[in-house]
């Protein structure tokens, strides 16, 4: 997926396809901005669609660690780079069984724990030794893509969703299309496709896939 293709399809739906640029309602730059905004909205609504597996460099001699700066939400810690797997636990359990864990001697990470209020912070046990790197998965915030740059964080299957979101933003600044419901039509299509895709995981995910199927209709 490249956003110049999104702009081309959006223009068809906006009926803004004049061969003379001066006669168009929207410039390519404006539509590119709307397309990038759409990607960022998608990342907030469905961060799982922007999952990325990469390295997380630990802060030495600390148990509290941070996900990379472009992370929306930490999803999983898999292992120590070049070392063993890391198992998730929770702070309540380790606080009760080993109250002094925060002061234990630094060493390769054995357990990791989510921060209850910050989606980009996490705890590790024991505290990090020098130069420790973890392999983890997190939802990565999409950058501002140039029109010809491949949108590498999102599957091509969501091309029409990005188009719908782009058209919605374009139509939403026009009072006429807000009043006649055209903007809402594209908004409903945009959110509906994201919601439908989420529900489809009921049929595609394993029981251990991380989705609580009791939450789905």
C-alpha atoms as a PDB file:
ATOM      1  CA  UNK A   1       0.000   0.000   0.000  1.00  0.00           C
ATOM      2  CA  UNK A   2       1.217   3.471  -0.894  1.00  0.00           C
ATOM      3  CA  UNK A   3      -0.726   6.609  -0.032  1.00  0.00           C
ATOM      4  CA  UNK A   4      -0.619   8.000  -3.575  1.00  0.00           C
ATOM      5  CA  UNK A   5      -2.915   5.082  -4.511  1.00  0.00           C
ATOM      6  CA  UNK A   6      -5.145   5.934  -1.544  1.00  0.00           C
ATOM      7  CA  UNK A   7      -5.362   9.526  -2.803  1.00  0.00           C
ATOM      8  CA  UNK A   8      -6.289   8.350  -6.313  1.00  0.00           C
ATOM      9  CA  UNK A   9      -9.157   6.203  -4.992  1.00  0.00           C
ATOM     10  CA  UNK A  10     -10.272   8.902  -2.559  1.00  0.00           C
ATOM     11  CA  UNK A  11     -10.529  11.404  -5.409  1.00  0.00           C
ATOM     12  CA  UNK A  12     -12.927   9.094  -7.266  1.00  0.00           C
ATOM     13  CA  UNK A  13     -15.235   8.928  -4.243  1.00  0.00           C
ATOM     14  CA  UNK A  14     -14.912  12.665  -3.657  1.00  0.00           C
ATOM     15  CA  UNK A  15     -15.663  13.305  -7.349  1.00  0.00           C
ATOM     16  CA  UNK A  16     -12.561  15.471  -7.375  1.00  0.00           C
ATOM     17  CA  UNK A  17     -10.758  14.079 -10.419  1.00  0.00           C
ATOM     18  CA  UNK A  18     -10.298  17.146 -12.619  1.00  0.00           C
ATOM     19  CA  UNK A  19      -7.210  16.927 -14.794  1.00  0.00           C
ATOM     20  CA  UNK A  20      -6.494  20.550 -13.919  1.00  0.00           C
ATOM     21  CA  UNK A  21      -5.056  20.792 -10.446  1.00  0.00           C
ATOM     22  CA  UNK A  22      -6.373  24.328  -9.991  1.00  0.00           C
ATOM     23  CA  UNK A  23      -9.957  23.066 -10.332  1.00  0.00           C
ATOM     24  CA  UNK A  24      -9.698  20.380  -7.657  1.00  0.00           C
ATOM     25  CA  UNK A  25     -11.288  20.849  -4.251  1.00  0.00           C
ATOM     26  CA  UNK A  26      -8.340  19.214  -2.480  1.00  0.00           C
ATOM     27  CA  UNK A  27      -4.643  19.272  -3.235  1.00  0.00           C
ATOM     28  CA  UNK A  28      -2.620  16.075  -3.083  1.00  0.00           C
ATOM     29  CA  UNK A  29      -0.841  17.452  -0.015  1.00  0.00           C
ATOM     30  CA  UNK A  30      -4.137  17.921   1.856  1.00  0.00           C
ATOM     31  CA  UNK A  31      -5.355  14.418   1.003  1.00  0.00           C
ATOM     32  CA  UNK A  32      -1.979  12.981   1.974  1.00  0.00           C
ATOM     33  CA  UNK A  33      -2.398  14.655   5.367  1.00  0.00           C
ATOM     34  CA  UNK A  34      -5.866  13.125   5.725  1.00  0.00           C
ATOM     35  CA  UNK A  35      -4.504   9.683   4.798  1.00  0.00           C
ATOM     36  CA  UNK A  36      -1.754   9.924   7.420  1.00  0.00           C
ATOM     37  CA  UNK A  37      -4.313  11.078   9.994  1.00  0.00           C
ATOM     38  CA  UNK A  38      -6.416   8.035   9.106  1.00  0.00           C
ATOM     39  CA  UNK A  39      -3.493   5.704   9.802  1.00  0.00           C
ATOM     40  CA  UNK A  40      -2.957   7.321  13.195  1.00  0.00           C
ATOM     41  CA  UNK A  41      -6.659   7.003  14.045  1.00  0.00           C
ATOM     42  CA  UNK A  42      -6.538   3.341  13.068  1.00  0.00           C
ATOM     43  CA  UNK A  43      -3.513   2.805  15.294  1.00  0.00           C
ATOM     44  CA  UNK A  44      -5.428   4.168  18.290  1.00  0.00           C
ATOM     45  CA  UNK A  45      -8.612   2.221  17.538  1.00  0.00           C
ATOM     46  CA  UNK A  46      -6.857  -1.040  16.604  1.00  0.00           C
ATOM     47  CA  UNK A  47      -3.268  -0.968  17.870  1.00  0.00           C
ATOM     48  CA  UNK A  48      -3.013  -4.698  17.197  1.00  0.00           C
ATOM     49  CA  UNK A  49      -2.974  -3.958  13.460  1.00  0.00           C
ATOM     50  CA  UNK A  50       0.319  -2.099  13.885  1.00  0.00           C
ATOM     51  CA  UNK A  51       2.150  -4.739  15.901  1.00  0.00           C
ATOM     52  CA  UNK A  52       5.918  -4.786  15.480  1.00  0.00           C
ATOM     53  CA  UNK A  53       8.540  -7.173  16.806  1.00  0.00           C
ATOM     54  CA  UNK A  54      11.825  -5.513  17.649  1.00  0.00           C
ATOM     55  CA  UNK A  55      14.497  -4.909  20.252  1.00  0.00           C
ATOM     56  CA  UNK A  56      14.100  -3.064  23.546  1.00  0.00           C
ATOM     57  CA  UNK A  57      17.313  -1.868  25.174  1.00  0.00           C
ATOM     58  CA  UNK A  58      17.094  -2.024  28.953  1.00  0.00           C
ATOM     59  CA  UNK A  59      18.086   0.660  31.422  1.00  0.00           C
ATOM     60  CA  UNK A  60      20.951  -0.732  33.498  1.00  0.00           C
ATOM     61  CA  UNK A  61      20.307  -1.578  37.178  1.00  0.00           C
ATOM     62  CA  UNK A  62      16.587  -0.764  36.947  1.00  0.00           C
ATOM     63  CA  UNK A  63      13.491  -2.918  37.239  1.00  0.00           C
ATOM     64  CA  UNK A  64      11.235  -0.304  35.619  1.00  0.00           C
ATOM     65  CA  UNK A  65      11.776  -0.256  31.866  1.00  0.00           C
ATOM     66  CA  UNK A  66      10.303   1.623  28.908  1.00  0.00           C
ATOM     67  CA  UNK A  67       9.107   0.534  25.493  1.00  0.00           C
ATOM     68  CA  UNK A  68      10.639   2.342  22.484  1.00  0.00           C
ATOM     69  CA  UNK A  69       9.567   5.955  21.960  1.00  0.00           C
ATOM     70  CA  UNK A  70       7.395   5.066  18.947  1.00  0.00           C
ATOM     71  CA  UNK A  71       5.367   2.535  20.932  1.00  0.00           C
ATOM     72  CA  UNK A  72       1.633   2.993  21.446  1.00  0.00           C
ATOM     73  CA  UNK A  73       1.321   0.003  23.731  1.00  0.00           C
ATOM     74  CA  UNK A  74       3.623  -2.797  24.808  1.00  0.00           C
ATOM     75  CA  UNK A  75       2.165  -6.166  23.863  1.00  0.00           C
ATOM     76  CA  UNK A  76       4.667  -8.874  24.778  1.00  0.00           C
ATOM     77  CA  UNK A  77       8.222  -9.589  25.883  1.00  0.00           C
ATOM     78  CA  UNK A  78       9.505 -12.799  24.334  1.00  0.00           C
ATOM     79  CA  UNK A  79      13.100 -13.316  25.391  1.00  0.00           C
ATOM     80  CA  UNK A  80      16.487 -11.887  26.161  1.00  0.00           C
ATOM     81  CA  UNK A  81      18.412 -11.306  22.950  1.00  0.00           C
ATOM     82  CA  UNK A  82      20.867 -14.183  22.678  1.00  0.00           C
ATOM     83  CA  UNK A  83      19.416 -15.719  25.837  1.00  0.00           C
ATOM     84  CA  UNK A  84      16.410 -17.427  27.380  1.00  0.00           C
ATOM     85  CA  UNK A  85      12.675 -16.880  27.129  1.00  0.00           C
ATOM     86  CA  UNK A  86      11.037 -14.432  29.547  1.00  0.00           C
ATOM     87  CA  UNK A  87       7.841 -15.332  31.357  1.00  0.00           C
ATOM     88  CA  UNK A  88       5.106 -12.839  32.191  1.00  0.00           C
ATOM     89  CA  UNK A  89       3.848 -12.558  35.752  1.00  0.00           C
ATOM     90  CA  UNK A  90       2.205  -9.802  37.796  1.00  0.00           C
ATOM     91  CA  UNK A  91       3.536  -7.520  40.508  1.00  0.00           C
ATOM     92  CA  UNK A  92       1.029  -8.659  43.126  1.00  0.00           C
ATOM     93  CA  UNK A  93       2.302 -12.215  42.935  1.00  0.00           C
ATOM     94  CA  UNK A  94       5.990 -11.404  43.056  1.00  0.00           C
ATOM     95  CA  UNK A  95       5.482  -8.738  45.773  1.00  0.00           C
ATOM     96  CA  UNK A  96       3.827 -11.338  47.987  1.00  0.00           C
ATOM     97  CA  UNK A  97       6.260 -14.178  47.364  1.00  0.00           C
ATOM     98  CA  UNK A  98       9.476 -12.147  47.232  1.00  0.00           C
ATOM     99  CA  UNK A  99       9.083  -8.616  48.661  1.00  0.00           C
ATOM    100  CA  UNK A 100      12.769  -7.787  48.094  1.00  0.00           C
ATOM    101  CA  UNK A 101      12.776  -8.557  44.391  1.00  0.00           C
ATOM    102  CA  UNK A 102      13.419  -4.939  43.350  1.00  0.00           C
ATOM    103  CA  UNK A 103      16.798  -5.011  45.096  1.00  0.00           C
ATOM    104  CA  UNK A 104      17.910  -8.421  43.868  1.00  0.00           C
ATOM    105  CA  UNK A 105      21.257  -8.672  42.085  1.00  0.00           C
ATOM    106  CA  UNK A 106      21.115  -7.691  38.426  1.00  0.00           C
ATOM    107  CA  UNK A 107      20.995 -10.549  35.947  1.00  0.00           C
ATOM    108  CA  UNK A 108      19.340 -11.791  32.760  1.00  0.00           C
ATOM    109  CA  UNK A 109      15.596 -11.166  32.852  1.00  0.00           C
ATOM    110  CA  UNK A 110      13.472 -14.072  34.033  1.00  0.00           C
ATOM    111  CA  UNK A 111      10.069 -12.399  34.447  1.00  0.00           C
ATOM    112  CA  UNK A 112       8.346  -9.299  33.156  1.00  0.00           C
ATOM    113  CA  UNK A 113       5.279  -7.484  34.495  1.00  0.00           C
ATOM    114  CA  UNK A 114       2.946  -4.928  32.937  1.00  0.00           C
ATOM    115  CA  UNK A 115       2.611  -1.476  34.453  1.00  0.00           C
ATOM    116  CA  UNK A 116      -1.004  -1.100  35.644  1.00  0.00           C
ATOM    117  CA  UNK A 117      -1.405   2.504  34.473  1.00  0.00           C
ATOM    118  CA  UNK A 118       1.188   3.101  31.767  1.00  0.00           C
ATOM    119  CA  UNK A 119       0.942   1.014  28.566  1.00  0.00           C
ATOM    120  CA  UNK A 120       4.565   1.740  27.630  1.00  0.00           C
ATOM    121  CA  UNK A 121       6.229   0.942  30.943  1.00  0.00           C
ATOM    122  CA  UNK A 122       6.966  -2.501  32.333  1.00  0.00           C
ATOM    123  CA  UNK A 123       8.885  -4.168  35.157  1.00  0.00           C
ATOM    124  CA  UNK A 124      11.500  -6.892  34.885  1.00  0.00           C
ATOM    125  CA  UNK A 125      12.995  -9.299  37.398  1.00  0.00           C
ATOM    126  CA  UNK A 126      15.798  -9.197  38.200  1.00  0.00           C
ATOM    127  CA  UNK A 127      16.991  -5.682  37.390  1.00  0.00           C
ATOM    128  CA  UNK A 128      18.839  -5.305  34.129  1.00  0.00           C
ATOM    129  CA  UNK A 129      22.553  -6.020  33.752  1.00  0.00           C
ATOM    130  CA  UNK A 130      24.685  -3.896  31.440  1.00  0.00           C
ATOM    131  CA  UNK A 131      23.900  -4.074  27.705  1.00  0.00           C
ATOM    132  CA  UNK A 132      20.825  -6.259  28.063  1.00  0.00           C
ATOM    133  CA  UNK A 133      18.459  -6.211  25.091  1.00  0.00           C
ATOM    134  CA  UNK A 134      15.007  -7.800  25.060  1.00  0.00           C
ATOM    135  CA  UNK A 135      13.020  -9.023  22.068  1.00  0.00           C
ATOM    136  CA  UNK A 136       9.445  -7.797  22.367  1.00  0.00           C
ATOM    137  CA  UNK A 137       6.304  -6.900  20.461  1.00  0.00           C
ATOM    138  CA  UNK A 138       4.562  -3.568  20.629  1.00  0.00           C
ATOM    139  CA  UNK A 139       2.027  -1.513  18.686  1.00  0.00           C
ATOM    140  CA  UNK A 140       4.114   0.927  16.684  1.00  0.00           C
ATOM    141  CA  UNK A 141       2.879   4.453  15.935  1.00  0.00           C
ATOM    142  CA  UNK A 142       2.790   5.023  12.172  1.00  0.00           C
ATOM    143  CA  UNK A 143       5.048   7.830  10.933  1.00  0.00           C
ATOM    144  CA  UNK A 144       3.960  10.484   8.444  1.00  0.00           C
ATOM    145  CA  UNK A 145       4.397   8.594   5.182  1.00  0.00           C
ATOM    146  CA  UNK A 146       5.355  10.291   1.943  1.00  0.00           C
ATOM    147  CA  UNK A 147       2.902   9.632  -0.895  1.00  0.00           C
ATOM    148  CA  UNK A 148       5.176   7.107  -2.625  1.00  0.00           C
ATOM    149  CA  UNK A 149       6.456   5.328   0.487  1.00  0.00           C
ATOM    150  CA  UNK A 150       5.168   1.847   1.285  1.00  0.00           C
ATOM    151  CA  UNK A 151       2.981   1.691   4.394  1.00  0.00           C
ATOM    152  CA  UNK A 152       4.985  -1.132   5.901  1.00  0.00           C
ATOM    153  CA  UNK A 153       3.162  -1.345   9.235  1.00  0.00           C
ATOM    154  CA  UNK A 154      -0.265  -2.219   7.847  1.00  0.00           C
ATOM    155  CA  UNK A 155      -1.562  -5.040   5.666  1.00  0.00           C
ATOM    156  CA  UNK A 156      -2.673  -4.171   2.125  1.00  0.00           C
ATOM    157  CA  UNK A 157      -6.033  -5.706   3.045  1.00  0.00           C
ATOM    158  CA  UNK A 158      -6.874  -2.448   4.840  1.00  0.00           C
ATOM    159  CA  UNK A 159      -6.445  -0.311   1.716  1.00  0.00           C
ATOM    160  CA  UNK A 160     -10.190   0.395   1.401  1.00  0.00           C
ATOM    161  CA  UNK A 161     -10.405   1.195   5.111  1.00  0.00           C
ATOM    162  CA  UNK A 162      -7.720   3.864   4.714  1.00  0.00           C
ATOM    163  CA  UNK A 163      -9.558   5.227   1.673  1.00  0.00           C
ATOM    164  CA  UNK A 164     -12.835   5.435   3.632  1.00  0.00           C
ATOM    165  CA  UNK A 165     -11.131   7.240   6.503  1.00  0.00           C
ATOM    166  CA  UNK A 166      -9.466   9.683   4.136  1.00  0.00           C
ATOM    167  CA  UNK A 167     -12.747  10.478   2.377  1.00  0.00           C
ATOM    168  CA  UNK A 168     -14.520  10.891   5.715  1.00  0.00           C
ATOM    169  CA  UNK A 169     -12.000  13.502   6.852  1.00  0.00           C
ATOM    170  CA  UNK A 170     -12.250  15.336   3.529  1.00  0.00           C
ATOM    171  CA  UNK A 171     -16.055  15.361   3.549  1.00  0.00           C
ATOM    172  CA  UNK A 172     -16.260  16.300   7.231  1.00  0.00           C
ATOM    173  CA  UNK A 173     -14.888  19.790   6.548  1.00  0.00           C
ATOM    174  CA  UNK A 174     -17.697  20.462   4.061  1.00  0.00           C
ATOM    175  CA  UNK A 175     -20.940  21.531   5.785  1.00  0.00           C
ATOM    176  CA  UNK A 176     -23.033  20.234   2.901  1.00  0.00           C
ATOM    177  CA  UNK A 177     -21.680  16.708   3.176  1.00  0.00           C
ATOM    178  CA  UNK A 178     -21.947  16.726   6.969  1.00  0.00           C
ATOM    179  CA  UNK A 179     -25.597  17.746   6.720  1.00  0.00           C
ATOM    180  CA  UNK A 180     -26.570  15.258   4.027  1.00  0.00           C
ATOM    181  CA  UNK A 181     -24.904  12.375   5.862  1.00  0.00           C
ATOM    182  CA  UNK A 182     -22.255  11.633   3.249  1.00  0.00           C
ATOM    183  CA  UNK A 183     -19.404  12.202   5.716  1.00  0.00           C
ATOM    184  CA  UNK A 184     -21.069   9.887   8.263  1.00  0.00           C
ATOM    185  CA  UNK A 185     -21.525   7.202   5.603  1.00  0.00           C
ATOM    186  CA  UNK A 186     -17.768   6.991   5.072  1.00  0.00           C
ATOM    187  CA  UNK A 187     -17.097   7.218   8.815  1.00  0.00           C
ATOM    188  CA  UNK A 188     -19.444   4.282   9.438  1.00  0.00           C
ATOM    189  CA  UNK A 189     -17.744   2.305   6.688  1.00  0.00           C
ATOM    190  CA  UNK A 190     -14.330   3.099   8.176  1.00  0.00           C
ATOM    191  CA  UNK A 191     -15.202   2.077  11.740  1.00  0.00           C
ATOM    192  CA  UNK A 192     -17.374  -0.815  10.604  1.00  0.00           C
ATOM    193  CA  UNK A 193     -14.563  -2.515   8.715  1.00  0.00           C
ATOM    194  CA  UNK A 194     -12.256  -2.217  11.714  1.00  0.00           C
ATOM    195  CA  UNK A 195     -14.906  -3.658  14.011  1.00  0.00           C
ATOM    196  CA  UNK A 196     -15.774  -6.497  11.628  1.00  0.00           C
ATOM    197  CA  UNK A 197     -12.128  -7.429  11.273  1.00  0.00           C
ATOM    198  CA  UNK A 198     -11.812  -7.549  15.068  1.00  0.00           C
ATOM    199  CA  UNK A 199     -14.803  -9.883  15.364  1.00  0.00           C
ATOM    200  CA  UNK A 200     -13.392 -12.155  12.656  1.00  0.00           C
ATOM    201  CA  UNK A 201     -10.631 -13.116  15.074  1.00  0.00           C
ATOM    202  CA  UNK A 202     -13.235 -15.339  16.743  1.00  0.00           C
ATOM    203  CA  UNK A 203     -12.792 -17.671  13.778  1.00  0.00           C
ATOM    204  CA  UNK A 204      -9.078 -17.249  13.115  1.00  0.00           C
ATOM    205  CA  UNK A 205      -7.372 -17.051  16.510  1.00  0.00           C
ATOM    206  CA  UNK A 206      -6.398 -20.027  18.605  1.00  0.00           C
ATOM    207  CA  UNK A 207      -7.683 -20.191  22.163  1.00  0.00           C
ATOM    208  CA  UNK A 208      -4.261 -18.986  23.279  1.00  0.00           C
ATOM    209  CA  UNK A 209      -4.202 -16.136  20.757  1.00  0.00           C
ATOM    210  CA  UNK A 210      -4.763 -13.429  23.322  1.00  0.00           C
ATOM    211  CA  UNK A 211      -8.375 -12.553  22.436  1.00  0.00           C
ATOM    212  CA  UNK A 212     -11.075 -13.263  24.981  1.00  0.00           C
ATOM    213  CA  UNK A 213     -13.808 -14.773  22.828  1.00  0.00           C
ATOM    214  CA  UNK A 214     -16.363 -14.202  25.576  1.00  0.00           C
ATOM    215  CA  UNK A 215     -16.175 -10.502  24.657  1.00  0.00           C
ATOM    216  CA  UNK A 216     -17.387 -11.154  21.125  1.00  0.00           C
ATOM    217  CA  UNK A 217     -21.046 -11.475  20.100  1.00  0.00           C
END
